[in-house]
mmCIF file of all heavy atoms, coordinates in Angstrom:
data_MODEL
# 
_entry.id   MODEL 
# 
loop_
_atom_site.group_PDB 
_atom_site.id 
_atom_site.type_symbol 
_atom_site.label_atom_id 
_atom_site.label_alt_id 
_atom_site.label_comp_id 
_atom_site.label_asym_id 
_atom_site.label_entity_id 
_atom_site.label_seq_id 
_atom_site.pdbx_PDB_ins_code 
_atom_site.Cartn_x 
_atom_site.Cartn_y 
_atom_site.Cartn_z 
_atom_site.occupancy 
_atom_site.B_iso_or_equiv 
_atom_site.pdbx_formal_charge 
_atom_site.auth_seq_id 
_atom_site.auth_comp_id 
_atom_site.auth_asym_id 
_atom_site.auth_atom_id 
_atom_site.pdbx_PDB_model_num 
ATOM 1   N N   . MET A 1 1  ? 83.917 110.598 123.580 1.00 0.00 ? 1  MET A N   1 
ATOM 2   C CA  . MET A 1 1  ? 85.062 110.152 124.380 1.00 0.00 ? 1  MET A CA  1 
ATOM 3   C C   . MET A 1 1  ? 85.757 108.952 123.763 1.00 0.00 ? 1  MET A C   1 
ATOM 4   O O   . MET A 1 1  ? 86.981 108.830 123.798 1.00 0.00 ? 1  MET A O   1 
ATOM 5   C CB  . MET A 1 1  ? 84.562 109.819 125.785 1.00 0.00 ? 1  MET A CB  1 
ATOM 6   C CG  . MET A 1 1  ? 85.615 109.270 126.718 1.00 0.00 ? 1  MET A CG  1 
ATOM 7   S SD  . MET A 1 1  ? 85.030 109.163 128.414 1.00 0.00 ? 1  MET A SD  1 
ATOM 8   C CE  . MET A 1 1  ? 83.618 108.088 128.231 1.00 0.00 ? 1  MET A CE  1 
ATOM 9   N N   . LYS A 1 2  ? 84.994 108.029 123.173 1.00 0.00 ? 2  LYS A N   1 
ATOM 10  C CA  . LYS A 1 2  ? 85.585 106.786 122.675 1.00 0.00 ? 2  LYS A CA  1 
ATOM 11  C C   . LYS A 1 2  ? 86.291 106.967 121.340 1.00 0.00 ? 2  LYS A C   1 
ATOM 12  O O   . LYS A 1 2  ? 87.280 106.309 121.053 1.00 0.00 ? 2  LYS A O   1 
ATOM 13  C CB  . LYS A 1 2  ? 84.501 105.719 122.515 1.00 0.00 ? 2  LYS A CB  1 
ATOM 14  C CG  . LYS A 1 2  ? 83.851 105.305 123.809 1.00 0.00 ? 2  LYS A CG  1 
ATOM 15  C CD  . LYS A 1 2  ? 83.001 104.080 123.595 1.00 0.00 ? 2  LYS A CD  1 
ATOM 16  C CE  . LYS A 1 2  ? 81.890 104.325 122.600 1.00 0.00 ? 2  LYS A CE  1 
ATOM 17  N NZ  . LYS A 1 2  ? 81.101 103.135 122.295 1.00 0.00 ? 2  LYS A NZ  1 
ATOM 18  N N   . GLY A 1 3  ? 85.750 107.855 120.495 1.00 0.00 ? 3  GLY A N   1 
ATOM 19  C CA  . GLY A 1 3  ? 86.358 108.070 119.187 1.00 0.00 ? 3  GLY A CA  1 
ATOM 20  C C   . GLY A 1 3  ? 85.917 107.087 118.131 1.00 0.00 ? 3  GLY A C   1 
ATOM 21  O O   . GLY A 1 3  ? 86.352 107.155 116.992 1.00 0.00 ? 3  GLY A O   1 
ATOM 22  N N   . GLY A 1 4  ? 85.044 106.163 118.438 1.00 0.00 ? 4  GLY A N   1 
ATOM 23  C CA  . GLY A 1 4  ? 84.570 105.198 117.455 1.00 0.00 ? 4  GLY A CA  1 
ATOM 24  C C   . GLY A 1 4  ? 83.624 104.211 118.091 1.00 0.00 ? 4  GLY A C   1 
ATOM 25  O O   . GLY A 1 4  ? 83.560 104.110 119.315 1.00 0.00 ? 4  GLY A O   1 
ATOM 26  N N   . ALA A 1 5  ? 82.883 103.498 117.265 1.00 0.00 ? 5  ALA A N   1 
ATOM 27  C CA  . ALA A 1 5  ? 81.904 102.553 117.804 1.00 0.00 ? 5  ALA A CA  1 
ATOM 28  C C   . ALA A 1 5  ? 81.927 101.253 117.019 1.00 0.00 ? 5  ALA A C   1 
ATOM 29  O O   . ALA A 1 5  ? 80.901 100.622 116.806 1.00 0.00 ? 5  ALA A O   1 
ATOM 30  C CB  . ALA A 1 5  ? 80.514 103.179 117.790 1.00 0.00 ? 5  ALA A CB  1 
ATOM 31  N N   . ALA A 1 6  ? 83.111 100.870 116.535 1.00 0.00 ? 6  ALA A N   1 
ATOM 32  C CA  . ALA A 1 6  ? 83.240 99.654  115.737 1.00 0.00 ? 6  ALA A CA  1 
ATOM 33  C C   . ALA A 1 6  ? 84.115 98.613  116.422 1.00 0.00 ? 6  ALA A C   1 
ATOM 34  O O   . ALA A 1 6  ? 84.643 97.715  115.783 1.00 0.00 ? 6  ALA A O   1 
ATOM 35  C CB  . ALA A 1 6  ? 83.819 100.001 114.363 1.00 0.00 ? 6  ALA A CB  1 
ATOM 36  N N   . GLY A 1 7  ? 84.273 98.737  117.750 1.00 0.00 ? 7  GLY A N   1 
ATOM 37  C CA  . GLY A 1 7  ? 85.155 97.829  118.463 1.00 0.00 ? 7  GLY A CA  1 
ATOM 38  C C   . GLY A 1 7  ? 86.551 98.411  118.570 1.00 0.00 ? 7  GLY A C   1 
ATOM 39  O O   . GLY A 1 7  ? 86.783 99.593  118.304 1.00 0.00 ? 7  GLY A O   1 
ATOM 40  N N   . GLY A 1 8  ? 87.502 97.582  118.950 1.00 0.00 ? 8  GLY A N   1 
ATOM 41  C CA  . GLY A 1 8  ? 88.867 98.061  119.107 1.00 0.00 ? 8  GLY A CA  1 
ATOM 42  C C   . GLY A 1 8  ? 89.882 96.950  118.979 1.00 0.00 ? 8  GLY A C   1 
ATOM 43  O O   . GLY A 1 8  ? 89.552 95.766  119.103 1.00 0.00 ? 8  GLY A O   1 
ATOM 44  N N   . GLY A 1 9  ? 91.131 97.336  118.716 1.00 0.00 ? 9  GLY A N   1 
ATOM 45  C CA  . GLY A 1 9  ? 92.196 96.352  118.551 1.00 0.00 ? 9  GLY A CA  1 
ATOM 46  C C   . GLY A 1 9  ? 91.896 95.426  117.387 1.00 0.00 ? 9  GLY A C   1 
ATOM 47  O O   . GLY A 1 9  ? 91.536 95.873  116.302 1.00 0.00 ? 9  GLY A O   1 
ATOM 48  N N   . LYS A 1 10 ? 92.050 94.127  117.622 1.00 0.00 ? 10 LYS A N   1 
ATOM 49  C CA  . LYS A 1 10 ? 91.720 93.162  116.581 1.00 0.00 ? 10 LYS A CA  1 
ATOM 50  C C   . LYS A 1 10 ? 90.310 92.611  116.738 1.00 0.00 ? 10 LYS A C   1 
ATOM 51  O O   . LYS A 1 10 ? 89.931 91.677  116.036 1.00 0.00 ? 10 LYS A O   1 
ATOM 52  C CB  . LYS A 1 10 ? 92.750 92.027  116.594 1.00 0.00 ? 10 LYS A CB  1 
ATOM 53  C CG  . LYS A 1 10 ? 94.141 92.501  116.182 1.00 0.00 ? 10 LYS A CG  1 
ATOM 54  C CD  . LYS A 1 10 ? 95.120 91.355  116.057 1.00 0.00 ? 10 LYS A CD  1 
ATOM 55  C CE  . LYS A 1 10 ? 96.479 91.868  115.584 1.00 0.00 ? 10 LYS A CE  1 
ATOM 56  N NZ  . LYS A 1 10 ? 97.481 90.783  115.462 1.00 0.00 ? 10 LYS A NZ  1 
ATOM 57  N N   . ALA A 1 11 ? 89.551 93.214  117.648 1.00 0.00 ? 11 ALA A N   1 
ATOM 58  C CA  . ALA A 1 11 ? 88.139 92.864  117.809 1.00 0.00 ? 11 ALA A CA  1 
ATOM 59  C C   . ALA A 1 11 ? 87.309 94.052  117.340 1.00 0.00 ? 11 ALA A C   1 
ATOM 60  O O   . ALA A 1 11 ? 86.640 94.714  118.124 1.00 0.00 ? 11 ALA A O   1 
ATOM 61  C CB  . ALA A 1 11 ? 87.826 92.514  119.258 1.00 0.00 ? 11 ALA A CB  1 
ATOM 62  N N   . GLN A 1 12 ? 87.394 94.361  116.056 1.00 0.00 ? 12 GLN A N   1 
ATOM 63  C CA  . GLN A 1 12 ? 86.630 95.467  115.510 1.00 0.00 ? 12 GLN A CA  1 
ATOM 64  C C   . GLN A 1 12 ? 86.058 95.103  114.148 1.00 0.00 ? 12 GLN A C   1 
ATOM 65  O O   . GLN A 1 12 ? 86.560 94.216  113.459 1.00 0.00 ? 12 GLN A O   1 
ATOM 66  C CB  . GLN A 1 12 ? 87.473 96.737  115.419 1.00 0.00 ? 12 GLN A CB  1 
ATOM 67  C CG  . GLN A 1 12 ? 88.711 96.633  114.553 1.00 0.00 ? 12 GLN A CG  1 
ATOM 68  C CD  . GLN A 1 12 ? 89.443 97.975  114.456 1.00 0.00 ? 12 GLN A CD  1 
ATOM 69  O OE1 . GLN A 1 12 ? 88.860 98.992  114.113 1.00 0.00 ? 12 GLN A OE1 1 
ATOM 70  N NE2 . GLN A 1 12 ? 90.736 97.969  114.766 1.00 0.00 ? 12 GLN A NE2 1 
ATOM 71  N N   . ALA A 1 13 ? 84.992 95.802  113.801 1.00 0.00 ? 13 ALA A N   1 
ATOM 72  C CA  . ALA A 1 13 ? 84.316 95.560  112.529 1.00 0.00 ? 13 ALA A CA  1 
ATOM 73  C C   . ALA A 1 13 ? 84.929 96.439  111.445 1.00 0.00 ? 13 ALA A C   1 
ATOM 74  O O   . ALA A 1 13 ? 85.255 97.606  111.685 1.00 0.00 ? 13 ALA A O   1 
ATOM 75  C CB  . ALA A 1 13 ? 82.827 95.852  112.662 1.00 0.00 ? 13 ALA A CB  1 
ATOM 76  N N   . VAL A 1 14 ? 85.113 95.881  110.262 1.00 0.00 ? 14 VAL A N   1 
ATOM 77  C CA  . VAL A 1 14 ? 85.650 96.622  109.128 1.00 0.00 ? 14 VAL A CA  1 
ATOM 78  C C   . VAL A 1 14 ? 84.700 96.463  107.937 1.00 0.00 ? 14 VAL A C   1 
ATOM 79  O O   . VAL A 1 14 ? 83.982 95.457  107.849 1.00 0.00 ? 14 VAL A O   1 
ATOM 80  C CB  . VAL A 1 14 ? 87.068 96.114  108.758 1.00 0.00 ? 14 VAL A CB  1 
ATOM 81  C CG1 . VAL A 1 14 ? 88.083 96.523  109.795 1.00 0.00 ? 14 VAL A CG1 1 
ATOM 82  C CG2 . VAL A 1 14 ? 87.089 94.594  108.573 1.00 0.00 ? 14 VAL A CG2 1 
ATOM 83  N N   . PRO A 1 15 ? 84.654 97.440  107.040 1.00 0.00 ? 15 PRO A N   1 
ATOM 84  C CA  . PRO A 1 15 ? 85.433 98.683  107.010 1.00 0.00 ? 15 PRO A CA  1 
ATOM 85  C C   . PRO A 1 15 ? 85.000 99.638  108.115 1.00 0.00 ? 15 PRO A C   1 
ATOM 86  O O   . PRO A 1 15 ? 83.838 100.043 108.177 1.00 0.00 ? 15 PRO A O   1 
ATOM 87  C CB  . PRO A 1 15 ? 85.142 99.266  105.627 1.00 0.00 ? 15 PRO A CB  1 
ATOM 88  C CG  . PRO A 1 15 ? 83.836 98.662  105.227 1.00 0.00 ? 15 PRO A CG  1 
ATOM 89  C CD  . PRO A 1 15 ? 83.771 97.317  105.865 1.00 0.00 ? 15 PRO A CD  1 
ATOM 90  N N   . MET A 1 16 ? 85.943 99.973  108.975 1.00 0.00 ? 16 MET A N   1 
ATOM 91  C CA  . MET A 1 16 ? 85.662 100.718 110.189 1.00 0.00 ? 16 MET A CA  1 
ATOM 92  C C   . MET A 1 16 ? 85.147 102.124 109.916 1.00 0.00 ? 16 MET A C   1 
ATOM 93  O O   . MET A 1 16 ? 84.188 102.587 110.547 1.00 0.00 ? 16 MET A O   1 
ATOM 94  C CB  . MET A 1 16 ? 86.925 100.770 111.054 1.00 0.00 ? 16 MET A CB  1 
ATOM 95  C CG  . MET A 1 16 ? 86.728 101.476 112.383 1.00 0.00 ? 16 MET A CG  1 
ATOM 96  S SD  . MET A 1 16 ? 87.292 103.181 112.337 1.00 0.00 ? 16 MET A SD  1 
ATOM 97  C CE  . MET A 1 16 ? 89.059 102.922 112.371 1.00 0.00 ? 16 MET A CE  1 
ATOM 98  N N   . GLU A 1 17 ? 85.745 102.828 108.953 1.00 0.00 ? 17 GLU A N   1 
ATOM 99  C CA  . GLU A 1 17 ? 85.312 104.194 108.663 1.00 0.00 ? 17 GLU A CA  1 
ATOM 100 C C   . GLU A 1 17 ? 83.871 104.214 108.160 1.00 0.00 ? 17 GLU A C   1 
ATOM 101 O O   . GLU A 1 17 ? 83.086 105.091 108.539 1.00 0.00 ? 17 GLU A O   1 
ATOM 102 C CB  . GLU A 1 17 ? 86.232 104.851 107.626 1.00 0.00 ? 17 GLU A CB  1 
ATOM 103 C CG  . GLU A 1 17 ? 87.669 105.040 108.100 1.00 0.00 ? 17 GLU A CG  1 
ATOM 104 C CD  . GLU A 1 17 ? 88.564 103.931 107.605 1.00 0.00 ? 17 GLU A CD  1 
ATOM 105 O OE1 . GLU A 1 17 ? 88.091 102.775 107.549 1.00 0.00 ? 17 GLU A OE1 1 
ATOM 106 O OE2 . GLU A 1 17 ? 89.723 104.206 107.257 1.00 0.00 ? 17 GLU A OE2 1 
ATOM 107 N N   . ASP A 1 18 ? 83.512 103.248 107.316 1.00 0.00 ? 18 ASP A N   1 
ATOM 108 C CA  . ASP A 1 18 ? 82.139 103.194 106.803 1.00 0.00 ? 18 ASP A CA  1 
ATOM 109 C C   . ASP A 1 18 ? 81.140 102.985 107.926 1.00 0.00 ? 18 ASP A C   1 
ATOM 110 O O   . ASP A 1 18 ? 80.098 103.643 107.999 1.00 0.00 ? 18 ASP A O   1 
ATOM 111 C CB  . ASP A 1 18 ? 81.999 102.057 105.780 1.00 0.00 ? 18 ASP A CB  1 
ATOM 112 C CG  . ASP A 1 18 ? 82.747 102.345 104.492 1.00 0.00 ? 18 ASP A CG  1 
ATOM 113 O OD1 . ASP A 1 18 ? 83.548 103.297 104.480 1.00 0.00 ? 18 ASP A OD1 1 
ATOM 114 O OD2 . ASP A 1 18 ? 82.536 101.620 103.511 1.00 0.00 ? 18 ASP A OD2 1 
ATOM 115 N N   . LEU A 1 19 ? 81.454 102.047 108.800 1.00 0.00 ? 19 LEU A N   1 
ATOM 116 C CA  . LEU A 1 19 ? 80.535 101.729 109.892 1.00 0.00 ? 19 LEU A CA  1 
ATOM 117 C C   . LEU A 1 19 ? 80.357 102.919 110.819 1.00 0.00 ? 19 LEU A C   1 
ATOM 118 O O   . LEU A 1 19 ? 79.245 103.217 111.270 1.00 0.00 ? 19 LEU A O   1 
ATOM 119 C CB  . LEU A 1 19 ? 81.065 100.525 110.676 1.00 0.00 ? 19 LEU A CB  1 
ATOM 120 C CG  . LEU A 1 19 ? 80.208 100.034 111.841 1.00 0.00 ? 19 LEU A CG  1 
ATOM 121 C CD1 . LEU A 1 19 ? 78.880 99.507  111.321 1.00 0.00 ? 19 LEU A CD1 1 
ATOM 122 C CD2 . LEU A 1 19 ? 80.924 98.943  112.622 1.00 0.00 ? 19 LEU A CD2 1 
ATOM 123 N N   . ASN A 1 20 ? 81.432 103.649 111.093 1.00 0.00 ? 20 ASN A N   1 
ATOM 124 C CA  . ASN A 1 20 ? 81.365 104.777 112.014 1.00 0.00 ? 20 ASN A CA  1 
ATOM 125 C C   . ASN A 1 20 ? 80.689 106.008 111.420 1.00 0.00 ? 20 ASN A C   1 
ATOM 126 O O   . ASN A 1 20 ? 80.075 106.794 112.144 1.00 0.00 ? 20 ASN A O   1 
ATOM 127 C CB  . ASN A 1 20 ? 82.777 105.174 112.474 1.00 0.00 ? 20 ASN A CB  1 
ATOM 128 C CG  . ASN A 1 20 ? 83.266 104.312 113.628 1.00 0.00 ? 20 ASN A CG  1 
ATOM 129 O OD1 . ASN A 1 20 ? 82.488 103.860 114.446 1.00 0.00 ? 20 ASN A OD1 1 
ATOM 130 N ND2 . ASN A 1 20 ? 84.571 104.078 113.685 1.00 0.00 ? 20 ASN A ND2 1 
ATOM 131 N N   . LEU A 1 21 ? 80.804 106.199 110.112 1.00 0.00 ? 21 LEU A N   1 
ATOM 132 C CA  . LEU A 1 21 ? 80.353 107.465 109.524 1.00 0.00 ? 21 LEU A CA  1 
ATOM 133 C C   . LEU A 1 21 ? 79.016 107.377 108.796 1.00 0.00 ? 21 LEU A C   1 
ATOM 134 O O   . LEU A 1 21 ? 78.092 108.112 109.102 1.00 0.00 ? 21 LEU A O   1 
ATOM 135 C CB  . LEU A 1 21 ? 81.436 108.017 108.588 1.00 0.00 ? 21 LEU A CB  1 
ATOM 136 C CG  . LEU A 1 21 ? 82.747 108.396 109.278 1.00 0.00 ? 21 LEU A CG  1 
ATOM 137 C CD1 . LEU A 1 21 ? 83.773 108.853 108.252 1.00 0.00 ? 21 LEU A CD1 1 
ATOM 138 C CD2 . LEU A 1 21 ? 82.501 109.503 110.290 1.00 0.00 ? 21 LEU A CD2 1 
ATOM 139 N N   . HIS A 1 22 ? 78.884 106.507 107.826 1.00 0.00 ? 22 HIS A N   1 
ATOM 140 C CA  . HIS A 1 22 ? 77.652 106.501 107.023 1.00 0.00 ? 22 HIS A CA  1 
ATOM 141 C C   . HIS A 1 22 ? 77.015 105.122 106.894 1.00 0.00 ? 22 HIS A C   1 
ATOM 142 O O   . HIS A 1 22 ? 75.803 105.004 106.828 1.00 0.00 ? 22 HIS A O   1 
ATOM 143 C CB  . HIS A 1 22 ? 77.941 107.057 105.619 1.00 0.00 ? 22 HIS A CB  1 
ATOM 144 C CG  . HIS A 1 22 ? 78.429 108.466 105.626 1.00 0.00 ? 22 HIS A CG  1 
ATOM 145 N ND1 . HIS A 1 22 ? 77.597 109.522 105.909 1.00 0.00 ? 22 HIS A ND1 1 
ATOM 146 C CD2 . HIS A 1 22 ? 79.657 108.996 105.422 1.00 0.00 ? 22 HIS A CD2 1 
ATOM 147 C CE1 . HIS A 1 22 ? 78.294 110.655 105.851 1.00 0.00 ? 22 HIS A CE1 1 
ATOM 148 N NE2 . HIS A 1 22 ? 79.539 110.359 105.559 1.00 0.00 ? 22 HIS A NE2 1 
ATOM 149 N N   . PHE A 1 23 ? 77.844 104.109 106.820 1.00 0.00 ? 23 PHE A N   1 
ATOM 150 C CA  . PHE A 1 23 ? 77.375 102.735 106.665 1.00 0.00 ? 23 PHE A CA  1 
ATOM 151 C C   . PHE A 1 23 ? 76.442 102.632 105.450 1.00 0.00 ? 23 PHE A C   1 
ATOM 152 O O   . PHE A 1 23 ? 76.848 102.936 104.334 1.00 0.00 ? 23 PHE A O   1 
ATOM 153 C CB  . PHE A 1 23 ? 76.706 102.270 107.952 1.00 0.00 ? 23 PHE A CB  1 
ATOM 154 C CG  . PHE A 1 23 ? 76.782 100.783 108.149 1.00 0.00 ? 23 PHE A CG  1 
ATOM 155 C CD1 . PHE A 1 23 ? 77.910 100.080 107.782 1.00 0.00 ? 23 PHE A CD1 1 
ATOM 156 C CD2 . PHE A 1 23 ? 75.738 100.080 108.723 1.00 0.00 ? 23 PHE A CD2 1 
ATOM 157 C CE1 . PHE A 1 23 ? 78.003 98.707  107.975 1.00 0.00 ? 23 PHE A CE1 1 
ATOM 158 C CE2 . PHE A 1 23 ? 75.801 98.708  108.917 1.00 0.00 ? 23 PHE A CE2 1 
ATOM 159 C CZ  . PHE A 1 23 ? 76.939 98.037  108.535 1.00 0.00 ? 23 PHE A CZ  1 
ATOM 160 N N   . THR A 1 24 ? 75.204 102.224 105.646 1.00 0.00 ? 24 THR A N   1 
ATOM 161 C CA  . THR A 1 24 ? 74.270 102.122 104.509 1.00 0.00 ? 24 THR A CA  1 
ATOM 162 C C   . THR A 1 24 ? 73.379 103.349 104.381 1.00 0.00 ? 24 THR A C   1 
ATOM 163 O O   . THR A 1 24 ? 72.473 103.373 103.541 1.00 0.00 ? 24 THR A O   1 
ATOM 164 C CB  . THR A 1 24 ? 73.382 100.874 104.672 1.00 0.00 ? 24 THR A CB  1 
ATOM 165 O OG1 . THR A 1 24 ? 72.665 100.961 105.908 1.00 0.00 ? 24 THR A OG1 1 
ATOM 166 C CG2 . THR A 1 24 ? 74.236 99.609  104.665 1.00 0.00 ? 24 THR A CG2 1 
ATOM 167 N N   . GLY A 1 25 ? 73.617 104.362 105.197 1.00 0.00 ? 25 GLY A N   1 
ATOM 168 C CA  . GLY A 1 25 ? 72.857 105.609 105.085 1.00 0.00 ? 25 GLY A CA  1 
ATOM 169 C C   . GLY A 1 25 ? 71.501 105.601 105.760 1.00 0.00 ? 25 GLY A C   1 
ATOM 170 O O   . GLY A 1 25 ? 70.740 106.561 105.638 1.00 0.00 ? 25 GLY A O   1 
ATOM 171 N N   . ASP A 1 26 ? 71.177 104.547 106.521 1.00 0.00 ? 26 ASP A N   1 
ATOM 172 C CA  . ASP A 1 26 ? 69.839 104.447 107.115 1.00 0.00 ? 26 ASP A CA  1 
ATOM 173 C C   . ASP A 1 26 ? 69.577 105.547 108.134 1.00 0.00 ? 26 ASP A C   1 
ATOM 174 O O   . ASP A 1 26 ? 68.490 106.126 108.174 1.00 0.00 ? 26 ASP A O   1 
ATOM 175 C CB  . ASP A 1 26 ? 69.664 103.080 107.774 1.00 0.00 ? 26 ASP A CB  1 
ATOM 176 C CG  . ASP A 1 26 ? 69.530 101.970 106.742 1.00 0.00 ? 26 ASP A CG  1 
ATOM 177 O OD1 . ASP A 1 26 ? 69.455 102.297 105.550 1.00 0.00 ? 26 ASP A OD1 1 
ATOM 178 O OD2 . ASP A 1 26 ? 69.519 100.786 107.122 1.00 0.00 ? 26 ASP A OD2 1 
ATOM 179 N N   . PHE A 1 27 ? 70.558 105.809 108.985 1.00 0.00 ? 27 PHE A N   1 
ATOM 180 C CA  . PHE A 1 27 ? 70.361 106.850 109.984 1.00 0.00 ? 27 PHE A CA  1 
ATOM 181 C C   . PHE A 1 27 ? 70.044 108.195 109.331 1.00 0.00 ? 27 PHE A C   1 
ATOM 182 O O   . PHE A 1 27 ? 69.161 108.933 109.782 1.00 0.00 ? 27 PHE A O   1 
ATOM 183 C CB  . PHE A 1 27 ? 71.618 106.994 110.863 1.00 0.00 ? 27 PHE A CB  1 
ATOM 184 C CG  . PHE A 1 27 ? 71.489 106.346 112.209 1.00 0.00 ? 27 PHE A CG  1 
ATOM 185 C CD1 . PHE A 1 27 ? 72.548 105.645 112.761 1.00 0.00 ? 27 PHE A CD1 1 
ATOM 186 C CD2 . PHE A 1 27 ? 70.317 106.448 112.935 1.00 0.00 ? 27 PHE A CD2 1 
ATOM 187 C CE1 . PHE A 1 27 ? 72.437 105.056 114.006 1.00 0.00 ? 27 PHE A CE1 1 
ATOM 188 C CE2 . PHE A 1 27 ? 70.191 105.847 114.178 1.00 0.00 ? 27 PHE A CE2 1 
ATOM 189 C CZ  . PHE A 1 27 ? 71.261 105.148 114.720 1.00 0.00 ? 27 PHE A CZ  1 
ATOM 190 N N   . HIS A 1 28 ? 70.763 108.508 108.273 1.00 0.00 ? 28 HIS A N   1 
ATOM 191 C CA  . HIS A 1 28 ? 70.563 109.792 107.604 1.00 0.00 ? 28 HIS A CA  1 
ATOM 192 C C   . HIS A 1 28 ? 69.201 109.845 106.921 1.00 0.00 ? 28 HIS A C   1 
ATOM 193 O O   . HIS A 1 28 ? 68.526 110.878 106.935 1.00 0.00 ? 28 HIS A O   1 
ATOM 194 C CB  . HIS A 1 28 ? 71.688 110.030 106.594 1.00 0.00 ? 28 HIS A CB  1 
ATOM 195 C CG  . HIS A 1 28 ? 73.050 109.969 107.209 1.00 0.00 ? 28 HIS A CG  1 
ATOM 196 N ND1 . HIS A 1 28 ? 73.571 111.000 107.941 1.00 0.00 ? 28 HIS A ND1 1 
ATOM 197 C CD2 . HIS A 1 28 ? 73.983 108.987 107.226 1.00 0.00 ? 28 HIS A CD2 1 
ATOM 198 C CE1 . HIS A 1 28 ? 74.773 110.665 108.379 1.00 0.00 ? 28 HIS A CE1 1 
ATOM 199 N NE2 . HIS A 1 28 ? 75.040 109.449 107.956 1.00 0.00 ? 28 HIS A NE2 1 
ATOM 200 N N   . ALA A 1 29 ? 68.804 108.735 106.345 1.00 0.00 ? 29 ALA A N   1 
ATOM 201 C CA  . ALA A 1 29 ? 67.494 108.689 105.682 1.00 0.00 ? 29 ALA A CA  1 
ATOM 202 C C   . ALA A 1 29 ? 66.370 108.863 106.701 1.00 0.00 ? 29 ALA A C   1 
ATOM 203 O O   . ALA A 1 29 ? 65.401 109.611 106.460 1.00 0.00 ? 29 ALA A O   1 
ATOM 204 C CB  . ALA A 1 29 ? 67.335 107.361 104.942 1.00 0.00 ? 29 ALA A CB  1 
# 
């Protein structure tokens, strides 16, 4: 429903796509 989990507006973490999709790969590992 939210479409992302990196915050919103100018209160968000960047790089946003990295954080939302793969980041450091820990979840996948």
